[in-house]
């Protein structure tokens, strides 16, 4: 299923996307939860019922005239109010390239355990405008990723069992203000203001049964599902990035095991993969300058359109917008640097 959250009468609603039409959960079955938050919290009771209702719709046995055109809806993040958001560091290609560009050796700890950081789950958003402050535009970056959503509570989850806790996959753009990020991390803490302004996800959450045809073996000596899904990013129509989700070294199952060690995971927790190889300007600029000292760096600018596409997961589109700001408040921040 493709699960879609959208705004209706000032509230988030949940529906299923079939073709170009979205069907409210109440169409599938009147007892189904009508928001993603509730649906995830009652996943084990609701998922099979929703699947059955979707099948009946596809076969024309139920209210097929009740669909709402997708292009007429205001889409939200598939999980509009996640209970938390972690972001991993799972692609060796990206980590190795970024370190090579800084002229440092590959860090051996990458192969010992998967790591992640917490980002601001209140700044999760879906397709549409991304509002940025002046400081954000000092080396503003995209990051091409996928993300999972946890669908049931767990603690100390073994990697061998962890795929059962994945409700589905979606595209993630972990937007990054690199100058702020680099300044903060000199203090060995963060990232904070370099990351907390926006993380875009969507356009919908695709459940695992719909991706079964894409499952491939994970990397040697790893555990969990991997998916052969091409990942691409365009800026203003020009392609800048291409990779594959199967290039993840650490699997989502292994990240779940690490995240749940001595900690509870809850329905609605979002976990990102980390950046795919070539999946951000920080890496692309570094590689370009390593090969050519005169390479012209590129960063996101106001009014840029960022399109991300992953096979089977759709296309996530966001426009970068300069937020109207109070110049006094901004000058205070600048003077403290």
C-alpha atoms as a PDB file:
ATOM      1  CA  UNK A   1       0.000   0.000   0.000  1.00  0.00           C
ATOM      2  CA  UNK A   2       0.928   3.621  -0.489  1.00  0.00           C
ATOM      3  CA  UNK A   3      -0.229   5.464   2.627  1.00  0.00           C
ATOM      4  CA  UNK A   4      -0.845   9.191   2.163  1.00  0.00           C
ATOM      5  CA  UNK A   5      -1.379  11.877   4.805  1.00  0.00           C
ATOM      6  CA  UNK A   6      -3.196  14.996   3.659  1.00  0.00           C
ATOM      7  CA  UNK A   7      -4.795  18.095   5.125  1.00  0.00           C
ATOM      8  CA  UNK A   8      -8.580  18.264   5.273  1.00  0.00           C
ATOM      9  CA  UNK A   9     -10.625  20.787   7.268  1.00  0.00           C
ATOM     10  CA  UNK A  10      -7.567  21.722   9.298  1.00  0.00           C
ATOM     11  CA  UNK A  11      -6.763  18.136  10.329  1.00  0.00           C
ATOM     12  CA  UNK A  12      -4.418  15.467   9.042  1.00  0.00           C
ATOM     13  CA  UNK A  13      -6.206  12.578   7.345  1.00  0.00           C
ATOM     14  CA  UNK A  14      -4.930   9.221   6.142  1.00  0.00           C
ATOM     15  CA  UNK A  15      -5.679   7.583   2.827  1.00  0.00           C
ATOM     16  CA  UNK A  16      -4.452   4.984   0.363  1.00  0.00           C
ATOM     17  CA  UNK A  17      -3.152   5.949  -3.066  1.00  0.00           C
ATOM     18  CA  UNK A  18      -4.409   3.823  -5.969  1.00  0.00           C
ATOM     19  CA  UNK A  19      -3.339   5.179  -9.341  1.00  0.00           C
ATOM     20  CA  UNK A  20      -3.908   8.925  -9.186  1.00  0.00           C
ATOM     21  CA  UNK A  21      -6.697   8.743  -6.602  1.00  0.00           C
ATOM     22  CA  UNK A  22      -6.554   8.816  -2.808  1.00  0.00           C
ATOM     23  CA  UNK A  23      -9.168   6.912  -0.817  1.00  0.00           C
ATOM     24  CA  UNK A  24      -9.886   7.913   2.758  1.00  0.00           C
ATOM     25  CA  UNK A  25      -9.422   5.104   5.274  1.00  0.00           C
ATOM     26  CA  UNK A  26     -13.134   5.223   6.059  1.00  0.00           C
ATOM     27  CA  UNK A  27     -13.779   4.122   2.465  1.00  0.00           C
ATOM     28  CA  UNK A  28     -11.628   1.028   2.985  1.00  0.00           C
ATOM     29  CA  UNK A  29     -13.402   0.200   6.241  1.00  0.00           C
ATOM     30  CA  UNK A  30     -15.420   2.443   8.585  1.00  0.00           C
ATOM     31  CA  UNK A  31     -13.535   1.220  11.669  1.00  0.00           C
ATOM     32  CA  UNK A  32     -10.036   2.042  10.390  1.00  0.00           C
ATOM     33  CA  UNK A  33      -8.083   4.864  12.090  1.00  0.00           C
ATOM     34  CA  UNK A  34      -8.244   8.072  10.063  1.00  0.00           C
ATOM     35  CA  UNK A  35      -4.767   9.422  10.852  1.00  0.00           C
ATOM     36  CA  UNK A  36      -1.283   7.976  10.416  1.00  0.00           C
ATOM     37  CA  UNK A  37      -0.538   8.343  14.104  1.00  0.00           C
ATOM     38  CA  UNK A  38      -3.510   6.209  15.100  1.00  0.00           C
ATOM     39  CA  UNK A  39      -2.960   3.763  12.258  1.00  0.00           C
ATOM     40  CA  UNK A  40       0.629   3.099  13.365  1.00  0.00           C
ATOM     41  CA  UNK A  41      -0.386   2.726  16.998  1.00  0.00           C
ATOM     42  CA  UNK A  42      -2.994   0.126  16.014  1.00  0.00           C
ATOM     43  CA  UNK A  43      -0.923  -1.371  13.186  1.00  0.00           C
ATOM     44  CA  UNK A  44      -1.375  -5.036  14.027  1.00  0.00           C
ATOM     45  CA  UNK A  45      -5.173  -4.667  14.138  1.00  0.00           C
ATOM     46  CA  UNK A  46      -5.520  -2.242  11.218  1.00  0.00           C
ATOM     47  CA  UNK A  47      -2.961  -3.273   8.601  1.00  0.00           C
ATOM     48  CA  UNK A  48      -4.672  -6.459   7.404  1.00  0.00           C
ATOM     49  CA  UNK A  49      -8.075  -4.740   7.344  1.00  0.00           C
ATOM     50  CA  UNK A  50      -6.666  -1.898   5.232  1.00  0.00           C
ATOM     51  CA  UNK A  51      -5.025  -4.385   2.848  1.00  0.00           C
ATOM     52  CA  UNK A  52      -8.326  -6.184   2.363  1.00  0.00           C
ATOM     53  CA  UNK A  53     -10.152  -2.912   1.765  1.00  0.00           C
ATOM     54  CA  UNK A  54      -7.555  -1.807  -0.769  1.00  0.00           C
ATOM     55  CA  UNK A  55      -7.904  -5.097  -2.654  1.00  0.00           C
ATOM     56  CA  UNK A  56     -11.676  -4.677  -2.822  1.00  0.00           C
ATOM     57  CA  UNK A  57     -11.204  -1.153  -4.195  1.00  0.00           C
ATOM     58  CA  UNK A  58      -8.764  -2.366  -6.828  1.00  0.00           C
ATOM     59  CA  UNK A  59     -11.242  -5.052  -7.864  1.00  0.00           C
ATOM     60  CA  UNK A  60     -14.064  -2.509  -8.069  1.00  0.00           C
ATOM     61  CA  UNK A  61     -16.087  -4.109  -5.291  1.00  0.00           C
ATOM     62  CA  UNK A  62     -16.323  -1.056  -3.027  1.00  0.00           C
ATOM     63  CA  UNK A  63     -16.990   2.677  -3.549  1.00  0.00           C
ATOM     64  CA  UNK A  64     -14.509   3.086  -6.410  1.00  0.00           C
ATOM     65  CA  UNK A  65     -16.153   6.477  -7.096  1.00  0.00           C
ATOM     66  CA  UNK A  66     -15.007   7.824  -3.705  1.00  0.00           C
ATOM     67  CA  UNK A  67     -11.423   8.563  -4.740  1.00  0.00           C
ATOM     68  CA  UNK A  68      -9.988  12.087  -4.432  1.00  0.00           C
ATOM     69  CA  UNK A  69      -7.599  13.312  -7.172  1.00  0.00           C
ATOM     70  CA  UNK A  70      -4.083  13.314  -5.760  1.00  0.00           C
ATOM     71  CA  UNK A  71      -3.208  16.637  -7.389  1.00  0.00           C
ATOM     72  CA  UNK A  72      -6.088  18.357  -5.577  1.00  0.00           C
ATOM     73  CA  UNK A  73      -4.894  17.415  -2.079  1.00  0.00           C
ATOM     74  CA  UNK A  74      -2.446  19.228   0.183  1.00  0.00           C
ATOM     75  CA  UNK A  75      -0.030  16.455   1.059  1.00  0.00           C
ATOM     76  CA  UNK A  76       1.638  16.366   4.466  1.00  0.00           C
ATOM     77  CA  UNK A  77       4.581  14.299   5.606  1.00  0.00           C
ATOM     78  CA  UNK A  78       3.372  10.667   5.555  1.00  0.00           C
ATOM     79  CA  UNK A  79       3.929  10.685   9.327  1.00  0.00           C
ATOM     80  CA  UNK A  80       2.939  14.271  10.159  1.00  0.00           C
ATOM     81  CA  UNK A  81       3.778  13.998  13.872  1.00  0.00           C
ATOM     82  CA  UNK A  82       6.574  11.429  14.325  1.00  0.00           C
ATOM     83  CA  UNK A  83       7.381  10.422  17.878  1.00  0.00           C
ATOM     84  CA  UNK A  84      11.116  10.811  17.135  1.00  0.00           C
ATOM     85  CA  UNK A  85      13.509  11.075  14.204  1.00  0.00           C
ATOM     86  CA  UNK A  86      16.909   9.389  14.022  1.00  0.00           C
ATOM     87  CA  UNK A  87      19.203   9.549  11.011  1.00  0.00           C
ATOM     88  CA  UNK A  88      21.808   6.892  10.289  1.00  0.00           C
ATOM     89  CA  UNK A  89      25.176   6.767   8.532  1.00  0.00           C
ATOM     90  CA  UNK A  90      24.799   3.554   6.569  1.00  0.00           C
ATOM     91  CA  UNK A  91      26.484   4.123   3.166  1.00  0.00           C
ATOM     92  CA  UNK A  92      30.219   3.424   3.235  1.00  0.00           C
ATOM     93  CA  UNK A  93      30.642   5.035  -0.206  1.00  0.00           C
ATOM     94  CA  UNK A  94      29.447   8.396   1.090  1.00  0.00           C
ATOM     95  CA  UNK A  95      31.453   8.241   4.319  1.00  0.00           C
ATOM     96  CA  UNK A  96      34.653   7.179   2.533  1.00  0.00           C
ATOM     97  CA  UNK A  97      34.321   9.847  -0.179  1.00  0.00           C
ATOM     98  CA  UNK A  98      33.621  12.612   2.338  1.00  0.00           C
ATOM     99  CA  UNK A  99      36.670  11.632   4.401  1.00  0.00           C
ATOM    100  CA  UNK A 100      38.900  11.301   1.336  1.00  0.00           C
ATOM    101  CA  UNK A 101      37.851  14.813   0.294  1.00  0.00           C
ATOM    102  CA  UNK A 102      39.010  16.048   3.717  1.00  0.00           C
ATOM    103  CA  UNK A 103      42.278  14.124   3.233  1.00  0.00           C
ATOM    104  CA  UNK A 104      41.666  11.828   6.202  1.00  0.00           C
ATOM    105  CA  UNK A 105      41.636   8.028   6.337  1.00  0.00           C
ATOM    106  CA  UNK A 106      38.432   6.010   6.392  1.00  0.00           C
ATOM    107  CA  UNK A 107      37.379   5.640  10.015  1.00  0.00           C
ATOM    108  CA  UNK A 108      37.544   1.951  11.040  1.00  0.00           C
ATOM    109  CA  UNK A 109      34.705   2.301  13.553  1.00  0.00           C
ATOM    110  CA  UNK A 110      32.284   2.593  10.611  1.00  0.00           C
ATOM    111  CA  UNK A 111      32.493  -1.185  10.193  1.00  0.00           C
ATOM    112  CA  UNK A 112      32.064  -1.928  13.900  1.00  0.00           C
ATOM    113  CA  UNK A 113      28.570  -0.569  14.591  1.00  0.00           C
ATOM    114  CA  UNK A 114      25.900   1.593  12.933  1.00  0.00           C
ATOM    115  CA  UNK A 115      25.582   5.124  14.286  1.00  0.00           C
ATOM    116  CA  UNK A 116      22.828   7.724  14.128  1.00  0.00           C
ATOM    117  CA  UNK A 117      21.939  11.132  15.486  1.00  0.00           C
ATOM    118  CA  UNK A 118      18.632  12.556  16.682  1.00  0.00           C
ATOM    119  CA  UNK A 119      17.147  15.423  14.703  1.00  0.00           C
ATOM    120  CA  UNK A 120      14.157  17.670  15.353  1.00  0.00           C
ATOM    121  CA  UNK A 121      11.050  15.550  14.790  1.00  0.00           C
ATOM    122  CA  UNK A 122       8.899  18.693  15.037  1.00  0.00           C
ATOM    123  CA  UNK A 123      10.573  19.955  11.836  1.00  0.00           C
ATOM    124  CA  UNK A 124       9.509  16.969   9.744  1.00  0.00           C
ATOM    125  CA  UNK A 125       7.587  18.159   6.689  1.00  0.00           C
ATOM    126  CA  UNK A 126       6.282  16.783   3.422  1.00  0.00           C
ATOM    127  CA  UNK A 127       6.354  18.099  -0.141  1.00  0.00           C
ATOM    128  CA  UNK A 128       6.252  21.860  -0.711  1.00  0.00           C
ATOM    129  CA  UNK A 129       8.128  24.904   0.539  1.00  0.00           C
ATOM    130  CA  UNK A 130      11.154  24.620   2.832  1.00  0.00           C
ATOM    131  CA  UNK A 131      11.562  27.900   4.755  1.00  0.00           C
ATOM    132  CA  UNK A 132      15.160  28.909   5.394  1.00  0.00           C
ATOM    133  CA  UNK A 133      16.769  31.669   7.434  1.00  0.00           C
ATOM    134  CA  UNK A 134      19.707  33.768   6.168  1.00  0.00           C
ATOM    135  CA  UNK A 135      22.311  31.656   7.997  1.00  0.00           C
ATOM    136  CA  UNK A 136      20.916  28.502   6.414  1.00  0.00           C
ATOM    137  CA  UNK A 137      21.901  29.781   2.970  1.00  0.00           C
ATOM    138  CA  UNK A 138      25.570  29.755   3.932  1.00  0.00           C
ATOM    139  CA  UNK A 139      26.278  26.379   2.295  1.00  0.00           C
ATOM    140  CA  UNK A 140      22.738  24.993   2.252  1.00  0.00           C
ATOM    141  CA  UNK A 141      22.716  21.324   1.238  1.00  0.00           C
ATOM    142  CA  UNK A 142      20.348  18.532   0.282  1.00  0.00           C
ATOM    143  CA  UNK A 143      20.885  14.926   1.394  1.00  0.00           C
ATOM    144  CA  UNK A 144      19.348  12.086  -0.624  1.00  0.00           C
ATOM    145  CA  UNK A 145      18.167   9.320   1.703  1.00  0.00           C
ATOM    146  CA  UNK A 146      15.436   6.798   2.391  1.00  0.00           C
ATOM    147  CA  UNK A 147      13.699   6.377   5.732  1.00  0.00           C
ATOM    148  CA  UNK A 148      11.652   3.777   7.560  1.00  0.00           C
ATOM    149  CA  UNK A 149       8.816   4.195  10.034  1.00  0.00           C
ATOM    150  CA  UNK A 150       8.512   1.975  13.104  1.00  0.00           C
ATOM    151  CA  UNK A 151       5.076   0.338  13.353  1.00  0.00           C
ATOM    152  CA  UNK A 152       5.161  -1.410  16.735  1.00  0.00           C
ATOM    153  CA  UNK A 153       6.759  -0.971  20.129  1.00  0.00           C
ATOM    154  CA  UNK A 154       9.996  -2.778  20.838  1.00  0.00           C
ATOM    155  CA  UNK A 155      13.093  -2.774  23.007  1.00  0.00           C
ATOM    156  CA  UNK A 156      16.372  -4.675  22.621  1.00  0.00           C
ATOM    157  CA  UNK A 157      15.247  -5.853  19.180  1.00  0.00           C
ATOM    158  CA  UNK A 158      17.527  -8.343  17.449  1.00  0.00           C
ATOM    159  CA  UNK A 159      18.500  -7.527  13.863  1.00  0.00           C
ATOM    160  CA  UNK A 160      17.157 -10.940  12.785  1.00  0.00           C
ATOM    161  CA  UNK A 161      13.672  -9.859  13.921  1.00  0.00           C
ATOM    162  CA  UNK A 162      13.857  -6.146  13.208  1.00  0.00           C
ATOM    163  CA  UNK A 163      12.283  -6.050   9.737  1.00  0.00           C
ATOM    164  CA  UNK A 164       8.967  -6.940  11.419  1.00  0.00           C
ATOM    165  CA  UNK A 165       9.050  -3.507  13.065  1.00  0.00           C
ATOM    166  CA  UNK A 166       9.240  -1.603   9.745  1.00  0.00           C
ATOM    167  CA  UNK A 167       5.912  -0.181   8.628  1.00  0.00           C
ATOM    168  CA  UNK A 168       7.236   1.052   5.305  1.00  0.00           C
ATOM    169  CA  UNK A 169       9.762   3.131   3.408  1.00  0.00           C
ATOM    170  CA  UNK A 170       9.715   6.723   2.149  1.00  0.00           C
ATOM    171  CA  UNK A 171      12.082   9.282   0.663  1.00  0.00           C
ATOM    172  CA  UNK A 172      13.981  11.575   3.025  1.00  0.00           C
ATOM    173  CA  UNK A 173      15.801  14.849   2.326  1.00  0.00           C
ATOM    174  CA  UNK A 174      17.944  15.602   5.386  1.00  0.00           C
ATOM    175  CA  UNK A 175      18.497  19.289   4.685  1.00  0.00           C
ATOM    176  CA  UNK A 176      21.707  20.688   6.146  1.00  0.00           C
ATOM    177  CA  UNK A 177      23.094  24.169   6.757  1.00  0.00           C
ATOM    178  CA  UNK A 178      26.737  23.159   6.454  1.00  0.00           C
ATOM    179  CA  UNK A 179      28.411  26.296   7.809  1.00  0.00           C
ATOM    180  CA  UNK A 180      26.325  26.218  10.980  1.00  0.00           C
ATOM    181  CA  UNK A 181      26.867  22.474  11.260  1.00  0.00           C
ATOM    182  CA  UNK A 182      30.641  22.779  10.948  1.00  0.00           C
ATOM    183  CA  UNK A 183      30.820  25.646  13.459  1.00  0.00           C
ATOM    184  CA  UNK A 184      28.794  23.741  16.041  1.00  0.00           C
ATOM    185  CA  UNK A 185      30.659  20.460  15.681  1.00  0.00           C
ATOM    186  CA  UNK A 186      33.977  22.112  16.477  1.00  0.00           C
ATOM    187  CA  UNK A 187      32.638  21.862  20.036  1.00  0.00           C
ATOM    188  CA  UNK A 188      32.076  18.094  19.609  1.00  0.00           C
ATOM    189  CA  UNK A 189      28.343  18.478  20.027  1.00  0.00           C
ATOM    190  CA  UNK A 190      25.557  18.527  17.505  1.00  0.00           C
ATOM    191  CA  UNK A 191      24.585  18.898  14.770  1.00  0.00           C
ATOM    192  CA  UNK A 192      21.954  21.259  16.120  1.00  0.00           C
ATOM    193  CA  UNK A 193      21.024  24.483  14.304  1.00  0.00           C
ATOM    194  CA  UNK A 194      22.701  23.118  11.183  1.00  0.00           C
ATOM    195  CA  UNK A 195      20.007  20.454  10.981  1.00  0.00           C
ATOM    196  CA  UNK A 196      16.944  21.306  13.027  1.00  0.00           C
ATOM    197  CA  UNK A 197      15.107  23.618  10.620  1.00  0.00           C
ATOM    198  CA  UNK A 198      13.678  21.031   8.193  1.00  0.00           C
ATOM    199  CA  UNK A 199      13.719  17.373   7.248  1.00  0.00           C
ATOM    200  CA  UNK A 200      11.492  16.616   4.261  1.00  0.00           C
ATOM    201  CA  UNK A 201       9.926  13.164   3.822  1.00  0.00           C
ATOM    202  CA  UNK A 202       7.354  11.683   1.496  1.00  0.00           C
ATOM    203  CA  UNK A 203       5.419  11.873  -0.664  1.00  0.00           C
ATOM    204  CA  UNK A 204       3.884   8.690   0.816  1.00  0.00           C
ATOM    205  CA  UNK A 205       4.806   5.673   2.931  1.00  0.00           C
ATOM    206  CA  UNK A 206       5.126   2.447   0.933  1.00  0.00           C
ATOM    207  CA  UNK A 207       4.493  -0.735   2.932  1.00  0.00           C
ATOM    208  CA  UNK A 208       6.915  -3.646   2.602  1.00  0.00           C
ATOM    209  CA  UNK A 209       4.678  -6.081   0.709  1.00  0.00           C
ATOM    210  CA  UNK A 210       4.608  -3.634  -2.202  1.00  0.00           C
ATOM    211  CA  UNK A 211       8.424  -3.654  -2.311  1.00  0.00           C
ATOM    212  CA  UNK A 212       8.901  -7.427  -2.088  1.00  0.00           C
ATOM    213  CA  UNK A 213       9.931  -7.692  -5.772  1.00  0.00           C
ATOM    214  CA  UNK A 214      12.857  -5.325  -5.066  1.00  0.00           C
ATOM    215  CA  UNK A 215      14.342  -7.301  -2.141  1.00  0.00           C
ATOM    216  CA  UNK A 216      17.968  -8.372  -2.682  1.00  0.00           C
ATOM    217  CA  UNK A 217      20.588  -9.921  -0.387  1.00  0.00           C
ATOM    218  CA  UNK A 218      22.216  -7.462   1.995  1.00  0.00           C
ATOM    219  CA  UNK A 219      25.976  -6.968   2.090  1.00  0.00           C
ATOM    220  CA  UNK A 220      28.165  -9.853   3.270  1.00  0.00           C
ATOM    221  CA  UNK A 221      28.289 -10.275   7.062  1.00  0.00           C
ATOM    222  CA  UNK A 222      25.187  -8.114   7.513  1.00  0.00           C
ATOM    223  CA  UNK A 223      21.622  -9.008   8.506  1.00  0.00           C
ATOM    224  CA  UNK A 224      18.262  -7.733   7.291  1.00  0.00           C
ATOM    225  CA  UNK A 225      16.411  -6.793   4.149  1.00  0.00           C
ATOM    226  CA  UNK A 226      17.927  -4.747   1.359  1.00  0.00           C
ATOM    227  CA  UNK A 227      16.093  -3.272  -1.622  1.00  0.00           C
ATOM    228  CA  UNK A 228      17.327  -2.685  -5.174  1.00  0.00           C
ATOM    229  CA  UNK A 229      15.867   0.815  -5.536  1.00  0.00           C
ATOM    230  CA  UNK A 230      17.482   3.479  -7.706  1.00  0.00           C
ATOM    231  CA  UNK A 231      17.849   6.858  -5.978  1.00  0.00           C
ATOM    232  CA  UNK A 232      18.151  10.163  -7.879  1.00  0.00           C
ATOM    233  CA  UNK A 233      18.105  13.904  -7.168  1.00  0.00           C
ATOM    234  CA  UNK A 234      17.604  16.891  -9.457  1.00  0.00           C
ATOM    235  CA  UNK A 235      18.136  20.577  -8.695  1.00  0.00           C
ATOM    236  CA  UNK A 236      16.057  22.818 -10.973  1.00  0.00           C
ATOM    237  CA  UNK A 237      15.718  19.920 -13.408  1.00  0.00           C
ATOM    238  CA  UNK A 238      19.444  19.118 -13.609  1.00  0.00           C
ATOM    239  CA  UNK A 239      20.393  15.705 -12.201  1.00  0.00           C
ATOM    240  CA  UNK A 240      23.112  15.949  -9.550  1.00  0.00           C
ATOM    241  CA  UNK A 241      22.975  12.605  -7.769  1.00  0.00           C
ATOM    242  CA  UNK A 242      22.373   8.910  -8.396  1.00  0.00           C
ATOM    243  CA  UNK A 243      22.764   5.851  -6.189  1.00  0.00           C
ATOM    244  CA  UNK A 244      20.920   2.753  -5.011  1.00  0.00           C
ATOM    245  CA  UNK A 245      19.356   1.824  -1.690  1.00  0.00           C
ATOM    246  CA  UNK A 246      20.998  -1.612  -1.935  1.00  0.00           C
ATOM    247  CA  UNK A 247      24.349   0.170  -1.490  1.00  0.00           C
ATOM    248  CA  UNK A 248      23.572   0.514   2.235  1.00  0.00           C
ATOM    249  CA  UNK A 249      26.249  -1.313   4.201  1.00  0.00           C
ATOM    250  CA  UNK A 250      24.409  -1.262   7.507  1.00  0.00           C
ATOM    251  CA  UNK A 251      20.810  -2.426   7.043  1.00  0.00           C
ATOM    252  CA  UNK A 252      17.778  -0.792   8.593  1.00  0.00           C
ATOM    253  CA  UNK A 253      17.407  -3.970  10.687  1.00  0.00           C
ATOM    254  CA  UNK A 254      20.874  -3.471  12.145  1.00  0.00           C
ATOM    255  CA  UNK A 255      20.209   0.213  12.809  1.00  0.00           C
ATOM    256  CA  UNK A 256      17.015  -0.789  14.623  1.00  0.00           C
ATOM    257  CA  UNK A 257      18.985  -3.244  16.768  1.00  0.00           C
ATOM    258  CA  UNK A 258      21.458  -0.515  17.685  1.00  0.00           C
ATOM    259  CA  UNK A 259      18.763   2.116  18.299  1.00  0.00           C
ATOM    260  CA  UNK A 260      16.673  -0.189  20.500  1.00  0.00           C
ATOM    261  CA  UNK A 261      19.557  -1.349  22.692  1.00  0.00           C
ATOM    262  CA  UNK A 262      18.445  -0.350  26.176  1.00  0.00           C
ATOM    263  CA  UNK A 263      15.847   1.995  24.671  1.00  0.00           C
ATOM    264  CA  UNK A 264      12.220   1.784  23.583  1.00  0.00           C
ATOM    265  CA  UNK A 265      11.193   2.285  19.966  1.00  0.00           C
ATOM    266  CA  UNK A 266       7.624   3.417  19.396  1.00  0.00           C
ATOM    267  CA  UNK A 267       5.161   3.441  16.511  1.00  0.00           C
ATOM    268  CA  UNK A 268       5.790   6.619  14.533  1.00  0.00           C
ATOM    269  CA  UNK A 269       9.555   6.742  15.111  1.00  0.00           C
ATOM    270  CA  UNK A 270      11.314   7.692  11.854  1.00  0.00           C
ATOM    271  CA  UNK A 271      14.800   6.375  11.043  1.00  0.00           C
ATOM    272  CA  UNK A 272      16.785   7.631   8.043  1.00  0.00           C
ATOM    273  CA  UNK A 273      19.409   5.699   6.112  1.00  0.00           C
ATOM    274  CA  UNK A 274      21.989   8.436   5.937  1.00  0.00           C
ATOM    275  CA  UNK A 275      23.202   9.925   2.668  1.00  0.00           C
ATOM    276  CA  UNK A 276      23.689   7.722  -0.382  1.00  0.00           C
ATOM    277  CA  UNK A 277      26.995   8.023  -2.248  1.00  0.00           C
ATOM    278  CA  UNK A 278      27.036  11.271  -4.340  1.00  0.00           C
ATOM    279  CA  UNK A 279      23.903  12.264  -2.403  1.00  0.00           C
ATOM    280  CA  UNK A 280      24.830  15.788  -1.240  1.00  0.00           C
ATOM    281  CA  UNK A 281      26.733  18.877  -2.372  1.00  0.00           C
ATOM    282  CA  UNK A 282      29.216  18.515   0.489  1.00  0.00           C
ATOM    283  CA  UNK A 283      30.486  15.285  -1.063  1.00  0.00           C
ATOM    284  CA  UNK A 284      30.098  16.414  -4.688  1.00  0.00           C
ATOM    285  CA  UNK A 285      31.904  19.721  -4.088  1.00  0.00           C
ATOM    286  CA  UNK A 286      34.685  17.987  -2.195  1.00  0.00           C
ATOM    287  CA  UNK A 287      35.229  15.446  -4.946  1.00  0.00           C
ATOM    288  CA  UNK A 288      35.106  18.166  -7.596  1.00  0.00           C
ATOM    289  CA  UNK A 289      37.706  20.320  -5.819  1.00  0.00           C
ATOM    290  CA  UNK A 290      39.934  17.308  -5.165  1.00  0.00           C
ATOM    291  CA  UNK A 291      40.059  16.668  -8.913  1.00  0.00           C
ATOM    292  CA  UNK A 292      40.120  20.329  -9.982  1.00  0.00           C
ATOM    293  CA  UNK A 293      41.181  23.166  -7.624  1.00  0.00           C
ATOM    294  CA  UNK A 294      39.134  25.590  -9.756  1.00  0.00           C
ATOM    295  CA  UNK A 295      35.926  23.594  -9.355  1.00  0.00           C
ATOM    296  CA  UNK A 296      32.980  25.922  -8.648  1.00  0.00           C
ATOM    297  CA  UNK A 297      31.096  24.849  -5.530  1.00  0.00           C
ATOM    298  CA  UNK A 298      27.323  24.555  -5.708  1.00  0.00           C
ATOM    299  CA  UNK A 299      24.886  25.052  -2.833  1.00  0.00           C
ATOM    300  CA  UNK A 300      21.115  25.438  -2.640  1.00  0.00           C
ATOM    301  CA  UNK A 301      19.755  28.924  -3.296  1.00  0.00           C
ATOM    302  CA  UNK A 302      16.379  30.628  -2.733  1.00  0.00           C
ATOM    303  CA  UNK A 303      13.698  29.368  -5.142  1.00  0.00           C
ATOM    304  CA  UNK A 304      15.643  26.221  -6.048  1.00  0.00           C
ATOM    305  CA  UNK A 305      13.465  23.185  -6.765  1.00  0.00           C
ATOM    306  CA  UNK A 306      14.754  19.927  -5.269  1.00  0.00           C
ATOM    307  CA  UNK A 307      13.276  16.729  -6.732  1.00  0.00           C
ATOM    308  CA  UNK A 308      14.161  13.355  -5.241  1.00  0.00           C
ATOM    309  CA  UNK A 309      12.991  10.057  -6.697  1.00  0.00           C
ATOM    310  CA  UNK A 310      13.425   6.495  -5.454  1.00  0.00           C
ATOM    311  CA  UNK A 311      12.071   3.531  -7.420  1.00  0.00           C
ATOM    312  CA  UNK A 312       8.798   2.401  -5.923  1.00  0.00           C
ATOM    313  CA  UNK A 313       8.665   5.259  -3.418  1.00  0.00           C
ATOM    314  CA  UNK A 314       7.603   8.125  -5.703  1.00  0.00           C
ATOM    315  CA  UNK A 315       9.048  11.619  -6.128  1.00  0.00           C
ATOM    316  CA  UNK A 316       9.488  14.168  -3.322  1.00  0.00           C
ATOM    317  CA  UNK A 317       9.556  17.804  -4.470  1.00  0.00           C
ATOM    318  CA  UNK A 318      10.492  20.790  -2.321  1.00  0.00           C
ATOM    319  CA  UNK A 319      11.099  24.451  -3.126  1.00  0.00           C
ATOM    320  CA  UNK A 320      13.678  26.370  -1.096  1.00  0.00           C
ATOM    321  CA  UNK A 321      12.171  29.620   0.205  1.00  0.00           C
ATOM    322  CA  UNK A 322      13.909  32.528   1.935  1.00  0.00           C
ATOM    323  CA  UNK A 323      11.925  33.211   5.090  1.00  0.00           C
ATOM    324  CA  UNK A 324      11.088  36.803   5.918  1.00  0.00           C
ATOM    325  CA  UNK A 325      13.146  37.623   8.981  1.00  0.00           C
ATOM    326  CA  UNK A 326      13.611  40.249  11.650  1.00  0.00           C
ATOM    327  CA  UNK A 327      17.006  41.811  10.830  1.00  0.00           C
ATOM    328  CA  UNK A 328      17.567  42.676  14.519  1.00  0.00           C
ATOM    329  CA  UNK A 329      17.127  39.056  15.606  1.00  0.00           C
ATOM    330  CA  UNK A 330      19.429  37.912  12.852  1.00  0.00           C
ATOM    331  CA  UNK A 331      22.118  40.429  13.766  1.00  0.00           C
ATOM    332  CA  UNK A 332      22.141  39.100  17.336  1.00  0.00           C
ATOM    333  CA  UNK A 333      22.880  35.638  16.020  1.00  0.00           C
ATOM    334  CA  UNK A 334      25.584  36.951  13.710  1.00  0.00           C
ATOM    335  CA  UNK A 335      27.277  38.978  16.451  1.00  0.00           C
ATOM    336  CA  UNK A 336      27.562  35.884  18.633  1.00  0.00           C
ATOM    337  CA  UNK A 337      29.633  34.033  16.068  1.00  0.00           C
END
